[in-house]
Amino acid sequence: MIELVALDIAGTTVDEGGAVYAVLTDVVRDHGAPGTDAEIRTWMGADKREALRALLADPGPDVVEAAHAEFVARLTARYRDTPPVPMAGVPEAFAALRAAGVRIALTTGFDRQVTDPLLEALGWSVGDPLDAVVCASEVAGGRPQPHMVRRAMELTGVTEPARVLVGGDTVLDVRAGHAAGAGLVVGVLTGGQTRAELAAEHPTEIVDGVADLPALIGLGAGAV
């Protein structure tokens, strides 16, 4: 039985129109690096400082921090102009999961500067409808390492990885789920990566969206 569902934010549970990767590309290019589509796609789902360190032409600590500050400021402005919204069916899926006693954690490559205002704008908080939120900056490393999933388990009191479902829209989400030993590792097709890209990482399942998760774990349409 699944006791914890650990999900990515942008592109998985939240529709933000691809702003995060558009802004990341702009910041990288403004710092003189190519920022090609292929390069950016490699870092989808990653800790944003780790992504900038890999993508910038001069990845010194001061340069990375300055670029990250620019990224946060620009992304915050984009979100202010075009507020993110829940992906279709996500509030209903959250309600079904909570009604069945399944805990919900969000994991993200954003830090708290982006995450907290984003969740506040959505009306989501720890307690309702979430049980935990983990940012990559709060653990030893972001995806594809398993640290965010393991921290979510600690925060929610889940001890067996086999009772965890990890879901996300990127290759790195799938890799992190496998690294954590999750019982179900689910690729989600609402984000920027394709079915073929996700399938190459051998997830347990690939679904159209988070709305499909209650049925996937056997809760049924009437679980709410």
N, C-alpha and C. Protein backbone atom coordinates (compact mmCIF):
# COMPACT_ATOMS: atom_id res chain seq x y z
N MET A 1 0.83 -1.20 0.00
CA MET A 1 0.00 0.00 0.00
C MET A 1 0.87 1.25 0.00
N ILE A 2 0.52 2.22 -0.82
CA ILE A 2 1.26 3.47 -0.87
C ILE A 2 0.84 4.35 0.30
N GLU A 3 1.84 4.83 1.06
CA GLU A 3 1.58 5.71 2.19
C GLU A 3 1.96 7.16 1.91
N LEU A 4 2.87 7.36 0.96
CA LEU A 4 3.35 8.70 0.65
C LEU A 4 3.47 8.87 -0.86
N VAL A 5 2.96 9.99 -1.35
CA VAL A 5 3.15 10.38 -2.75
C VAL A 5 4.04 11.62 -2.74
N ALA A 6 5.22 11.52 -3.35
CA ALA A 6 6.17 12.63 -3.41
C ALA A 6 6.25 13.12 -4.84
N LEU A 7 5.83 14.36 -5.05
CA LEU A 7 5.65 14.89 -6.40
C LEU A 7 6.46 16.17 -6.63
N ASP A 8 6.89 16.34 -7.85
CA ASP A 8 7.51 17.57 -8.30
C ASP A 8 6.46 18.69 -8.34
N ILE A 9 6.93 19.93 -8.43
CA ILE A 9 6.01 21.07 -8.51
C ILE A 9 5.81 21.49 -9.97
N ALA A 10 6.73 22.30 -10.52
CA ALA A 10 6.53 22.89 -11.85
C ALA A 10 6.48 21.80 -12.93
N GLY A 11 5.39 21.79 -13.68
CA GLY A 11 5.23 20.83 -14.76
C GLY A 11 4.57 19.53 -14.35
N THR A 12 4.45 19.31 -13.04
CA THR A 12 3.85 18.07 -12.54
C THR A 12 2.54 18.36 -11.81
N THR A 13 2.63 19.15 -10.76
CA THR A 13 1.42 19.53 -10.01
C THR A 13 0.96 20.94 -10.33
N VAL A 14 1.87 21.76 -10.86
CA VAL A 14 1.58 23.17 -11.11
C VAL A 14 1.88 23.52 -12.55
N ASP A 15 0.92 24.17 -13.19
CA ASP A 15 1.08 24.66 -14.56
C ASP A 15 1.56 26.10 -14.50
N GLU A 16 2.83 26.29 -14.86
CA GLU A 16 3.39 27.65 -14.87
C GLU A 16 3.87 28.02 -16.27
N GLY A 17 3.33 27.33 -17.25
CA GLY A 17 3.57 27.70 -18.64
C GLY A 17 4.99 27.55 -19.12
N GLY A 18 5.79 26.73 -18.44
CA GLY A 18 7.18 26.55 -18.86
C GLY A 18 8.07 27.73 -18.53
N ALA A 19 7.60 28.62 -17.65
CA ALA A 19 8.36 29.84 -17.35
C ALA A 19 9.73 29.53 -16.76
N VAL A 20 9.82 28.51 -15.92
CA VAL A 20 11.09 28.24 -15.25
C VAL A 20 12.21 27.97 -16.24
N TYR A 21 11.92 27.22 -17.29
CA TYR A 21 12.99 26.90 -18.24
C TYR A 21 13.23 28.02 -19.23
N ALA A 22 12.20 28.81 -19.52
CA ALA A 22 12.39 30.00 -20.35
C ALA A 22 13.29 31.00 -19.63
N VAL A 23 13.04 31.22 -18.35
CA VAL A 23 13.85 32.15 -17.57
C VAL A 23 15.27 31.61 -17.39
N LEU A 24 15.39 30.32 -17.10
CA LEU A 24 16.72 29.73 -16.95
C LEU A 24 17.53 29.90 -18.22
N THR A 25 16.92 29.66 -19.37
CA THR A 25 17.60 29.84 -20.66
C THR A 25 18.06 31.28 -20.84
N ASP A 26 17.18 32.23 -20.54
CA ASP A 26 17.53 33.64 -20.70
C ASP A 26 18.71 34.03 -19.80
N VAL A 27 18.69 33.58 -18.56
CA VAL A 27 19.77 33.93 -17.64
C VAL A 27 21.09 33.34 -18.11
N VAL A 28 21.07 32.08 -18.52
CA VAL A 28 22.30 31.43 -18.99
C VAL A 28 22.86 32.16 -20.21
N ARG A 29 22.00 32.48 -21.16
CA ARG A 29 22.47 33.17 -22.37
C ARG A 29 22.97 34.58 -22.07
N ASP A 30 22.32 35.26 -21.13
CA ASP A 30 22.76 36.60 -20.76
C ASP A 30 24.13 36.59 -20.11
N HIS A 31 24.52 35.42 -19.59
CA HIS A 31 25.85 35.28 -19.01
C HIS A 31 26.86 34.71 -20.00
N GLY A 32 26.49 34.69 -21.28
CA GLY A 32 27.44 34.35 -22.31
C GLY A 32 27.58 32.89 -22.66
N ALA A 33 26.73 32.03 -22.09
CA ALA A 33 26.77 30.61 -22.41
C ALA A 33 25.71 30.28 -23.46
N PRO A 34 25.87 29.18 -24.20
CA PRO A 34 24.93 28.88 -25.29
C PRO A 34 23.50 28.67 -24.84
N GLY A 35 23.29 27.93 -23.75
CA GLY A 35 21.93 27.68 -23.27
C GLY A 35 21.07 27.04 -24.34
N THR A 36 21.61 26.00 -25.00
CA THR A 36 20.85 25.34 -26.05
C THR A 36 19.69 24.55 -25.45
N ASP A 37 18.71 24.24 -26.28
CA ASP A 37 17.56 23.47 -25.81
C ASP A 37 18.01 22.13 -25.24
N ALA A 38 18.95 21.47 -25.91
CA ALA A 38 19.43 20.17 -25.43
C ALA A 38 20.08 20.29 -24.06
N GLU A 39 20.87 21.35 -23.86
CA GLU A 39 21.52 21.55 -22.56
C GLU A 39 20.49 21.80 -21.45
N ILE A 40 19.55 22.67 -21.74
CA ILE A 40 18.52 23.00 -20.75
C ILE A 40 17.71 21.76 -20.38
N ARG A 41 17.36 20.96 -21.38
CA ARG A 41 16.55 19.76 -21.12
C ARG A 41 17.28 18.78 -20.20
N THR A 42 18.59 18.73 -20.31
CA THR A 42 19.38 17.85 -19.45
C THR A 42 19.20 18.21 -17.98
N TRP A 43 18.95 19.49 -17.71
CA TRP A 43 18.88 19.95 -16.33
C TRP A 43 17.45 20.22 -15.86
N MET A 44 16.47 19.77 -16.61
CA MET A 44 15.09 19.90 -16.15
C MET A 44 14.89 19.09 -14.88
N GLY A 45 14.33 19.73 -13.87
CA GLY A 45 14.08 19.06 -12.60
C GLY A 45 15.21 19.16 -11.60
N ALA A 46 16.34 19.74 -12.00
CA ALA A 46 17.51 19.80 -11.13
C ALA A 46 17.43 21.00 -10.18
N ASP A 47 18.23 20.94 -9.13
CA ASP A 47 18.47 22.11 -8.31
C ASP A 47 18.97 23.24 -9.21
N LYS A 48 18.40 24.42 -9.07
CA LYS A 48 18.70 25.47 -10.02
C LYS A 48 20.12 26.00 -9.89
N ARG A 49 20.67 25.99 -8.69
CA ARG A 49 22.08 26.37 -8.57
C ARG A 49 22.98 25.34 -9.26
N GLU A 50 22.66 24.05 -9.09
CA GLU A 50 23.44 23.02 -9.76
C GLU A 50 23.34 23.17 -11.27
N ALA A 51 22.14 23.49 -11.75
CA ALA A 51 21.94 23.68 -13.19
C ALA A 51 22.77 24.85 -13.69
N LEU A 52 22.73 25.97 -12.98
CA LEU A 52 23.49 27.15 -13.40
C LEU A 52 24.98 26.87 -13.35
N ARG A 53 25.42 26.16 -12.34
CA ARG A 53 26.86 25.84 -12.23
C ARG A 53 27.32 25.03 -13.44
N ALA A 54 26.46 24.15 -13.93
CA ALA A 54 26.81 23.32 -15.08
C ALA A 54 26.68 24.06 -16.40
N LEU A 55 25.75 24.99 -16.48
CA LEU A 55 25.42 25.61 -17.76
C LEU A 55 26.19 26.89 -18.06
N LEU A 56 26.67 27.59 -17.03
CA LEU A 56 27.32 28.87 -17.25
C LEU A 56 28.74 28.69 -17.79
N ALA A 57 29.17 29.68 -18.56
CA ALA A 57 30.52 29.64 -19.12
C ALA A 57 31.57 29.86 -18.04
N ASP A 58 31.25 30.67 -17.02
CA ASP A 58 32.18 30.95 -15.92
C ASP A 58 31.46 30.62 -14.62
N PRO A 59 31.52 29.34 -14.20
CA PRO A 59 30.70 28.90 -13.07
C PRO A 59 31.35 29.11 -11.70
N GLY A 60 32.04 30.26 -11.51
CA GLY A 60 32.58 30.54 -10.19
C GLY A 60 31.46 30.77 -9.19
N PRO A 61 31.74 30.60 -7.88
CA PRO A 61 30.69 30.72 -6.87
C PRO A 61 29.94 32.05 -6.92
N ASP A 62 30.67 33.15 -7.08
CA ASP A 62 30.02 34.46 -7.11
C ASP A 62 29.14 34.59 -8.34
N VAL A 63 29.61 34.06 -9.47
CA VAL A 63 28.84 34.12 -10.71
C VAL A 63 27.55 33.31 -10.57
N VAL A 64 27.67 32.12 -9.99
CA VAL A 64 26.49 31.27 -9.82
C VAL A 64 25.47 31.94 -8.91
N GLU A 65 25.92 32.52 -7.81
CA GLU A 65 24.99 33.17 -6.89
C GLU A 65 24.32 34.38 -7.53
N ALA A 66 25.09 35.15 -8.29
CA ALA A 66 24.50 36.31 -8.98
C ALA A 66 23.48 35.85 -10.01
N ALA A 67 23.82 34.81 -10.75
CA ALA A 67 22.89 34.30 -11.77
C ALA A 67 21.65 33.73 -11.12
N HIS A 68 21.82 33.06 -9.98
CA HIS A 68 20.66 32.50 -9.30
C HIS A 68 19.74 33.61 -8.79
N ALA A 69 20.33 34.69 -8.29
CA ALA A 69 19.52 35.82 -7.83
C ALA A 69 18.72 36.42 -9.00
N GLU A 70 19.37 36.51 -10.16
CA GLU A 70 18.66 36.99 -11.35
C GLU A 70 17.53 36.05 -11.72
N PHE A 71 17.82 34.74 -11.68
CA PHE A 71 16.80 33.74 -12.00
C PHE A 71 15.59 33.89 -11.09
N VAL A 72 15.82 34.01 -9.79
CA VAL A 72 14.72 34.14 -8.83
C VAL A 72 13.91 35.40 -9.10
N ALA A 73 14.61 36.52 -9.33
CA ALA A 73 13.91 37.79 -9.55
C ALA A 73 13.07 37.74 -10.82
N ARG A 74 13.64 37.21 -11.90
CA ARG A 74 12.91 37.16 -13.17
C ARG A 74 11.74 36.18 -13.10
N LEU A 75 11.97 35.03 -12.46
CA LEU A 75 10.90 34.05 -12.38
C LEU A 75 9.76 34.57 -11.51
N THR A 76 10.10 35.23 -10.41
CA THR A 76 9.08 35.81 -9.54
C THR A 76 8.24 36.82 -10.31
N ALA A 77 8.90 37.64 -11.14
CA ALA A 77 8.17 38.62 -11.94
C ALA A 77 7.25 37.93 -12.95
N ARG A 78 7.74 36.86 -13.57
CA ARG A 78 6.91 36.12 -14.53
C ARG A 78 5.69 35.53 -13.83
N TYR A 79 5.90 34.97 -12.66
CA TYR A 79 4.79 34.38 -11.91
C TYR A 79 3.81 35.45 -11.45
N ARG A 80 4.31 36.64 -11.15
CA ARG A 80 3.42 37.73 -10.76
C ARG A 80 2.55 38.16 -11.93
N ASP A 81 3.16 38.21 -13.12
CA ASP A 81 2.41 38.63 -14.31
C ASP A 81 1.45 37.56 -14.79
N THR A 82 1.88 36.29 -14.71
CA THR A 82 1.04 35.17 -15.13
C THR A 82 1.06 34.12 -14.03
N PRO A 83 0.14 34.24 -13.08
CA PRO A 83 0.18 33.35 -11.91
C PRO A 83 0.02 31.88 -12.30
N PRO A 84 0.84 31.01 -11.74
CA PRO A 84 0.68 29.57 -11.95
C PRO A 84 -0.65 29.08 -11.38
N VAL A 85 -1.11 27.97 -11.92
CA VAL A 85 -2.36 27.36 -11.45
C VAL A 85 -2.12 25.86 -11.29
N PRO A 86 -2.96 25.18 -10.51
CA PRO A 86 -2.81 23.73 -10.41
C PRO A 86 -3.05 23.06 -11.76
N MET A 87 -2.32 22.00 -12.03
CA MET A 87 -2.60 21.19 -13.21
C MET A 87 -4.02 20.63 -13.11
N ALA A 88 -4.62 20.38 -14.26
CA ALA A 88 -5.99 19.87 -14.28
C ALA A 88 -6.10 18.60 -13.45
N GLY A 89 -7.09 18.58 -12.56
CA GLY A 89 -7.36 17.39 -11.77
C GLY A 89 -6.50 17.22 -10.54
N VAL A 90 -5.51 18.09 -10.34
CA VAL A 90 -4.62 17.93 -9.19
C VAL A 90 -5.33 18.17 -7.86
N PRO A 91 -6.12 19.23 -7.70
CA PRO A 91 -6.81 19.40 -6.41
C PRO A 91 -7.70 18.20 -6.07
N GLU A 92 -8.38 17.66 -7.07
CA GLU A 92 -9.23 16.50 -6.84
C GLU A 92 -8.40 15.27 -6.48
N ALA A 93 -7.26 15.11 -7.13
CA ALA A 93 -6.38 13.98 -6.81
C ALA A 93 -5.84 14.11 -5.39
N PHE A 94 -5.44 15.32 -5.00
CA PHE A 94 -4.97 15.54 -3.64
C PHE A 94 -6.06 15.19 -2.63
N ALA A 95 -7.29 15.61 -2.91
CA ALA A 95 -8.40 15.32 -2.00
C ALA A 95 -8.62 13.82 -1.86
N ALA A 96 -8.55 13.10 -2.98
CA ALA A 96 -8.74 11.65 -2.96
C ALA A 96 -7.63 10.96 -2.17
N LEU A 97 -6.40 11.40 -2.37
CA LEU A 97 -5.27 10.81 -1.65
C LEU A 97 -5.39 11.04 -0.15
N ARG A 98 -5.69 12.28 0.24
CA ARG A 98 -5.79 12.59 1.66
C ARG A 98 -6.95 11.86 2.31
N ALA A 99 -8.06 11.74 1.58
CA ALA A 99 -9.22 11.02 2.12
C ALA A 99 -8.89 9.57 2.41
N ALA A 100 -7.95 9.02 1.63
CA ALA A 100 -7.54 7.63 1.81
C ALA A 100 -6.37 7.48 2.80
N GLY A 101 -5.94 8.59 3.39
CA GLY A 101 -4.86 8.54 4.37
C GLY A 101 -3.47 8.55 3.76
N VAL A 102 -3.37 8.83 2.46
CA VAL A 102 -2.06 8.91 1.80
C VAL A 102 -1.48 10.30 2.02
N ARG A 103 -0.24 10.36 2.46
CA ARG A 103 0.42 11.64 2.68
C ARG A 103 0.96 12.19 1.36
N ILE A 104 1.02 13.51 1.27
CA ILE A 104 1.44 14.19 0.04
C ILE A 104 2.61 15.11 0.36
N ALA A 105 3.72 14.92 -0.37
CA ALA A 105 4.87 15.81 -0.25
C ALA A 105 5.20 16.38 -1.62
N LEU A 106 5.63 17.62 -1.65
CA LEU A 106 6.15 18.21 -2.87
C LEU A 106 7.65 18.37 -2.74
N THR A 107 8.37 18.02 -3.79
CA THR A 107 9.82 18.20 -3.85
C THR A 107 10.13 19.08 -5.05
N THR A 108 11.17 19.91 -4.92
CA THR A 108 11.41 20.88 -5.97
C THR A 108 12.87 21.32 -6.04
N GLY A 109 13.30 21.66 -7.24
CA GLY A 109 14.61 22.25 -7.45
C GLY A 109 14.65 23.72 -7.14
N PHE A 110 13.50 24.34 -6.86
CA PHE A 110 13.45 25.72 -6.40
C PHE A 110 13.92 25.80 -4.96
N ASP A 111 14.36 26.99 -4.53
CA ASP A 111 14.57 27.19 -3.10
C ASP A 111 13.34 27.90 -2.54
N ARG A 112 13.39 28.24 -1.26
CA ARG A 112 12.21 28.80 -0.59
C ARG A 112 11.82 30.18 -1.14
N GLN A 113 12.78 30.91 -1.72
CA GLN A 113 12.46 32.22 -2.28
C GLN A 113 11.39 32.12 -3.36
N VAL A 114 11.40 31.04 -4.11
CA VAL A 114 10.40 30.82 -5.15
C VAL A 114 9.25 29.96 -4.63
N THR A 115 9.59 28.92 -3.90
CA THR A 115 8.59 27.92 -3.52
C THR A 115 7.49 28.48 -2.62
N ASP A 116 7.88 29.18 -1.56
CA ASP A 116 6.88 29.62 -0.59
C ASP A 116 5.85 30.59 -1.19
N PRO A 117 6.27 31.63 -1.93
CA PRO A 117 5.26 32.50 -2.54
C PRO A 117 4.41 31.77 -3.58
N LEU A 118 5.01 30.83 -4.30
CA LEU A 118 4.26 30.08 -5.31
C LEU A 118 3.15 29.26 -4.64
N LEU A 119 3.49 28.55 -3.59
CA LEU A 119 2.49 27.73 -2.90
C LEU A 119 1.44 28.61 -2.22
N GLU A 120 1.87 29.73 -1.68
CA GLU A 120 0.91 30.65 -1.04
C GLU A 120 -0.11 31.16 -2.05
N ALA A 121 0.37 31.48 -3.27
CA ALA A 121 -0.54 31.96 -4.31
C ALA A 121 -1.56 30.90 -4.70
N LEU A 122 -1.16 29.64 -4.60
CA LEU A 122 -2.07 28.54 -4.93
C LEU A 122 -3.00 28.19 -3.78
N GLY A 123 -2.71 28.71 -2.58
CA GLY A 123 -3.49 28.34 -1.40
C GLY A 123 -3.11 26.99 -0.84
N TRP A 124 -1.89 26.53 -1.16
CA TRP A 124 -1.41 25.24 -0.67
C TRP A 124 -0.44 25.47 0.48
N SER A 125 -0.56 24.68 1.53
CA SER A 125 0.35 24.78 2.65
C SER A 125 0.51 23.42 3.30
N VAL A 126 1.52 23.30 4.14
CA VAL A 126 1.68 22.07 4.92
C VAL A 126 0.54 22.02 5.92
N GLY A 127 -0.23 20.98 5.86
CA GLY A 127 -1.45 20.85 6.63
C GLY A 127 -2.68 20.78 5.74
N ASP A 128 -2.67 21.55 4.65
CA ASP A 128 -3.80 21.55 3.71
C ASP A 128 -3.35 22.14 2.38
N PRO A 129 -3.20 21.32 1.35
CA PRO A 129 -3.45 19.88 1.28
C PRO A 129 -2.18 19.05 1.43
N LEU A 130 -1.07 19.68 1.82
CA LEU A 130 0.22 19.02 1.80
C LEU A 130 0.62 18.54 3.19
N ASP A 131 1.50 17.54 3.20
CA ASP A 131 2.07 17.05 4.45
C ASP A 131 3.54 17.45 4.61
N ALA A 132 4.20 17.79 3.50
CA ALA A 132 5.59 18.22 3.56
C ALA A 132 5.97 18.89 2.24
N VAL A 133 6.94 19.79 2.32
CA VAL A 133 7.54 20.42 1.15
C VAL A 133 9.05 20.39 1.35
N VAL A 134 9.77 19.90 0.36
CA VAL A 134 11.23 19.80 0.46
C VAL A 134 11.87 20.48 -0.75
N CYS A 135 12.77 21.42 -0.48
CA CYS A 135 13.53 22.09 -1.54
C CYS A 135 14.92 21.47 -1.63
N ALA A 136 15.47 21.48 -2.83
CA ALA A 136 16.78 20.87 -3.04
C ALA A 136 17.86 21.54 -2.18
N SER A 137 17.70 22.84 -1.93
CA SER A 137 18.70 23.57 -1.14
C SER A 137 18.71 23.14 0.33
N GLU A 138 17.72 22.37 0.74
CA GLU A 138 17.60 21.96 2.14
C GLU A 138 18.18 20.58 2.42
N VAL A 139 18.67 19.91 1.38
CA VAL A 139 19.23 18.57 1.54
C VAL A 139 20.62 18.53 0.91
N ALA A 140 21.25 17.36 0.96
CA ALA A 140 22.64 17.25 0.51
C ALA A 140 22.82 17.42 -0.99
N GLY A 141 21.77 17.26 -1.75
CA GLY A 141 21.86 17.41 -3.20
C GLY A 141 20.50 17.21 -3.83
N GLY A 142 20.32 17.83 -4.98
CA GLY A 142 19.05 17.71 -5.69
C GLY A 142 18.99 16.45 -6.54
N ARG A 143 17.95 16.36 -7.36
CA ARG A 143 17.80 15.24 -8.27
C ARG A 143 18.98 15.17 -9.23
N PRO A 144 19.45 13.98 -9.61
CA PRO A 144 18.80 12.67 -9.46
C PRO A 144 19.12 11.96 -8.15
N GLN A 145 19.76 12.65 -7.22
CA GLN A 145 20.01 12.02 -5.92
C GLN A 145 18.69 11.84 -5.17
N PRO A 146 18.65 10.90 -4.22
CA PRO A 146 17.38 10.57 -3.56
C PRO A 146 17.06 11.40 -2.33
N HIS A 147 17.88 12.41 -2.03
CA HIS A 147 17.80 13.07 -0.74
C HIS A 147 16.46 13.75 -0.48
N MET A 148 15.87 14.38 -1.49
CA MET A 148 14.59 15.05 -1.25
C MET A 148 13.49 14.05 -0.92
N VAL A 149 13.48 12.92 -1.60
CA VAL A 149 12.48 11.88 -1.31
C VAL A 149 12.67 11.35 0.10
N ARG A 150 13.91 11.09 0.46
CA ARG A 150 14.18 10.56 1.80
C ARG A 150 13.82 11.58 2.89
N ARG A 151 14.06 12.85 2.64
CA ARG A 151 13.66 13.88 3.60
C ARG A 151 12.14 13.95 3.71
N ALA A 152 11.45 13.82 2.59
CA ALA A 152 9.98 13.80 2.62
C ALA A 152 9.48 12.63 3.45
N MET A 153 10.15 11.48 3.35
CA MET A 153 9.78 10.32 4.16
C MET A 153 9.97 10.64 5.65
N GLU A 154 11.09 11.25 5.98
CA GLU A 154 11.34 11.60 7.39
C GLU A 154 10.26 12.54 7.92
N LEU A 155 9.92 13.54 7.13
CA LEU A 155 8.97 14.54 7.58
C LEU A 155 7.56 13.99 7.74
N THR A 156 7.25 12.94 7.00
CA THR A 156 5.89 12.37 7.04
C THR A 156 5.81 11.06 7.81
N GLY A 157 6.93 10.60 8.34
CA GLY A 157 6.93 9.39 9.16
C GLY A 157 6.79 8.10 8.39
N VAL A 158 7.14 8.12 7.11
CA VAL A 158 7.08 6.91 6.29
C VAL A 158 8.47 6.29 6.27
N THR A 159 8.58 5.02 6.64
CA THR A 159 9.89 4.39 6.80
C THR A 159 10.27 3.42 5.69
N GLU A 160 9.28 2.94 4.94
CA GLU A 160 9.57 1.94 3.92
C GLU A 160 9.48 2.54 2.52
N PRO A 161 10.59 2.60 1.78
CA PRO A 161 10.55 3.14 0.42
C PRO A 161 9.53 2.45 -0.48
N ALA A 162 9.28 1.17 -0.23
CA ALA A 162 8.32 0.43 -1.05
C ALA A 162 6.92 0.99 -0.94
N ARG A 163 6.66 1.79 0.09
CA ARG A 163 5.35 2.39 0.28
C ARG A 163 5.28 3.84 -0.21
N VAL A 164 6.26 4.21 -1.04
CA VAL A 164 6.34 5.58 -1.57
C VAL A 164 6.15 5.57 -3.07
N LEU A 165 5.36 6.50 -3.56
CA LEU A 165 5.23 6.78 -4.99
C LEU A 165 5.95 8.09 -5.26
N VAL A 166 6.89 8.08 -6.18
CA VAL A 166 7.57 9.30 -6.62
C VAL A 166 7.11 9.61 -8.03
N GLY A 167 6.65 10.84 -8.25
CA GLY A 167 6.16 11.21 -9.57
C GLY A 167 6.71 12.55 -10.03
N GLY A 168 6.98 12.65 -11.32
CA GLY A 168 7.46 13.91 -11.87
C GLY A 168 7.52 13.88 -13.38
N ASP A 169 7.72 15.06 -13.95
CA ASP A 169 7.65 15.21 -15.41
C ASP A 169 9.01 15.17 -16.09
N THR A 170 10.08 14.89 -15.33
CA THR A 170 11.41 14.91 -15.93
C THR A 170 12.16 13.60 -15.72
N VAL A 171 13.17 13.41 -16.54
CA VAL A 171 14.07 12.27 -16.40
C VAL A 171 14.69 12.23 -15.00
N LEU A 172 15.07 13.42 -14.49
CA LEU A 172 15.70 13.45 -13.17
C LEU A 172 14.74 13.05 -12.06
N ASP A 173 13.46 13.35 -12.22
CA ASP A 173 12.47 12.88 -11.25
C ASP A 173 12.45 11.35 -11.20
N VAL A 174 12.45 10.75 -12.37
CA VAL A 174 12.42 9.28 -12.44
C VAL A 174 13.69 8.69 -11.84
N ARG A 175 14.82 9.26 -12.17
CA ARG A 175 16.08 8.76 -11.61
C ARG A 175 16.11 8.88 -10.10
N ALA A 176 15.61 10.00 -9.58
CA ALA A 176 15.59 10.19 -8.12
C ALA A 176 14.68 9.17 -7.45
N GLY A 177 13.54 8.87 -8.08
CA GLY A 177 12.64 7.87 -7.53
C GLY A 177 13.30 6.51 -7.47
N HIS A 178 13.98 6.13 -8.52
CA HIS A 178 14.70 4.85 -8.51
C HIS A 178 15.81 4.85 -7.46
N ALA A 179 16.54 5.96 -7.36
CA ALA A 179 17.64 6.04 -6.40
C ALA A 179 17.14 5.91 -4.97
N ALA A 180 15.91 6.39 -4.73
CA ALA A 180 15.32 6.30 -3.40
C ALA A 180 14.72 4.93 -3.12
N GLY A 181 14.64 4.07 -4.13
CA GLY A 181 14.05 2.75 -3.96
C GLY A 181 12.54 2.78 -3.84
N ALA A 182 11.91 3.81 -4.41
CA ALA A 182 10.46 3.96 -4.29
C ALA A 182 9.72 2.78 -4.89
N GLY A 183 8.60 2.42 -4.26
CA GLY A 183 7.81 1.30 -4.75
C GLY A 183 7.20 1.56 -6.10
N LEU A 184 6.81 2.81 -6.36
CA LEU A 184 6.30 3.22 -7.67
C LEU A 184 7.03 4.48 -8.10
N VAL A 185 7.54 4.46 -9.31
CA VAL A 185 8.21 5.62 -9.90
C VAL A 185 7.44 5.98 -11.16
N VAL A 186 6.82 7.14 -11.16
CA VAL A 186 5.84 7.48 -12.19
C VAL A 186 6.29 8.70 -13.00
N GLY A 187 6.38 8.53 -14.30
CA GLY A 187 6.62 9.65 -15.20
C GLY A 187 5.30 10.31 -15.54
N VAL A 188 5.29 11.63 -15.55
CA VAL A 188 4.06 12.41 -15.77
C VAL A 188 4.24 13.26 -17.02
N LEU A 189 3.26 13.21 -17.90
CA LEU A 189 3.40 13.82 -19.23
C LEU A 189 2.91 15.25 -19.35
N THR A 190 2.74 15.94 -18.23
CA THR A 190 2.25 17.32 -18.28
C THR A 190 3.35 18.35 -18.37
N GLY A 191 4.61 17.91 -18.37
CA GLY A 191 5.72 18.85 -18.36
C GLY A 191 6.46 18.92 -19.68
N GLY A 192 7.76 19.21 -19.58
CA GLY A 192 8.53 19.52 -20.77
C GLY A 192 9.21 18.35 -21.45
N GLN A 193 9.14 17.15 -20.87
CA GLN A 193 9.83 16.02 -21.47
C GLN A 193 8.83 15.00 -22.00
N THR A 194 9.26 14.28 -23.00
CA THR A 194 8.36 13.43 -23.77
C THR A 194 8.22 12.03 -23.16
N ARG A 195 7.23 11.31 -23.65
CA ARG A 195 7.05 9.92 -23.22
C ARG A 195 8.31 9.11 -23.51
N ALA A 196 8.92 9.31 -24.67
CA ALA A 196 10.11 8.54 -25.03
C ALA A 196 11.26 8.85 -24.08
N GLU A 197 11.43 10.12 -23.73
CA GLU A 197 12.51 10.49 -22.81
C GLU A 197 12.29 9.87 -21.44
N LEU A 198 11.05 9.91 -20.96
CA LEU A 198 10.75 9.33 -19.65
C LEU A 198 10.86 7.81 -19.69
N ALA A 199 10.35 7.19 -20.75
CA ALA A 199 10.36 5.74 -20.86
C ALA A 199 11.78 5.18 -20.86
N ALA A 200 12.72 5.95 -21.38
CA ALA A 200 14.11 5.49 -21.43
C ALA A 200 14.69 5.28 -20.04
N GLU A 201 14.06 5.88 -19.03
CA GLU A 201 14.54 5.73 -17.65
C GLU A 201 13.80 4.62 -16.90
N HIS A 202 12.92 3.93 -17.58
CA HIS A 202 12.21 2.77 -17.04
C HIS A 202 11.40 3.07 -15.77
N PRO A 203 10.52 4.07 -15.83
CA PRO A 203 9.62 4.26 -14.69
C PRO A 203 8.67 3.08 -14.55
N THR A 204 8.08 2.94 -13.38
CA THR A 204 7.09 1.89 -13.18
C THR A 204 5.90 2.10 -14.09
N GLU A 205 5.48 3.37 -14.19
CA GLU A 205 4.33 3.75 -15.00
C GLU A 205 4.59 5.12 -15.61
N ILE A 206 3.89 5.39 -16.71
CA ILE A 206 3.82 6.74 -17.26
C ILE A 206 2.35 7.10 -17.35
N VAL A 207 1.98 8.26 -16.81
CA VAL A 207 0.58 8.67 -16.79
C VAL A 207 0.44 10.03 -17.47
N ASP A 208 -0.78 10.33 -17.89
CA ASP A 208 -1.04 11.61 -18.53
C ASP A 208 -0.92 12.77 -17.55
N GLY A 209 -1.26 12.53 -16.30
CA GLY A 209 -1.18 13.59 -15.31
C GLY A 209 -1.38 13.06 -13.91
N VAL A 210 -1.15 13.93 -12.92
CA VAL A 210 -1.32 13.56 -11.51
C VAL A 210 -2.75 13.14 -11.22
N ALA A 211 -3.69 13.63 -12.01
CA ALA A 211 -5.10 13.23 -11.83
C ALA A 211 -5.28 11.72 -11.93
N ASP A 212 -4.35 11.03 -12.58
CA ASP A 212 -4.45 9.59 -12.75
C ASP A 212 -3.92 8.79 -11.55
N LEU A 213 -3.28 9.45 -10.60
CA LEU A 213 -2.60 8.70 -9.54
C LEU A 213 -3.54 7.98 -8.58
N PRO A 214 -4.67 8.58 -8.15
CA PRO A 214 -5.54 7.80 -7.26
C PRO A 214 -5.97 6.47 -7.85
N ALA A 215 -6.36 6.46 -9.12
CA ALA A 215 -6.75 5.20 -9.74
C ALA A 215 -5.57 4.25 -9.87
N LEU A 216 -4.38 4.80 -10.13
CA LEU A 216 -3.19 3.98 -10.28
C LEU A 216 -2.89 3.18 -9.02
N ILE A 217 -3.15 3.79 -7.86
CA ILE A 217 -2.85 3.07 -6.63
C ILE A 217 -4.11 2.43 -6.03
N GLY A 218 -5.16 2.35 -6.84
CA GLY A 218 -6.32 1.56 -6.47
C GLY A 218 -7.36 2.24 -5.62
N LEU A 219 -7.37 3.60 -5.63
CA LEU A 219 -8.35 4.29 -4.82
C LEU A 219 -9.70 4.38 -5.49
N GLY A 220 -9.72 4.36 -6.84
CA GLY A 220 -11.00 4.39 -7.55
C GLY A 220 -11.54 5.79 -7.68
N ALA A 221 -12.50 5.95 -8.60
CA ALA A 221 -13.04 7.27 -8.92
C ALA A 221 -13.82 7.86 -7.77
N GLY A 222 -14.35 7.02 -6.89
CA GLY A 222 -15.21 7.54 -5.83
C GLY A 222 -14.49 7.74 -4.51
N ALA A 223 -13.14 7.83 -4.57
CA ALA A 223 -12.39 7.89 -3.32
C ALA A 223 -12.64 9.16 -2.52
N VAL A 224 -12.98 10.26 -3.19
CA VAL A 224 -13.22 11.50 -2.47
C VAL A 224 -14.47 11.40 -1.63
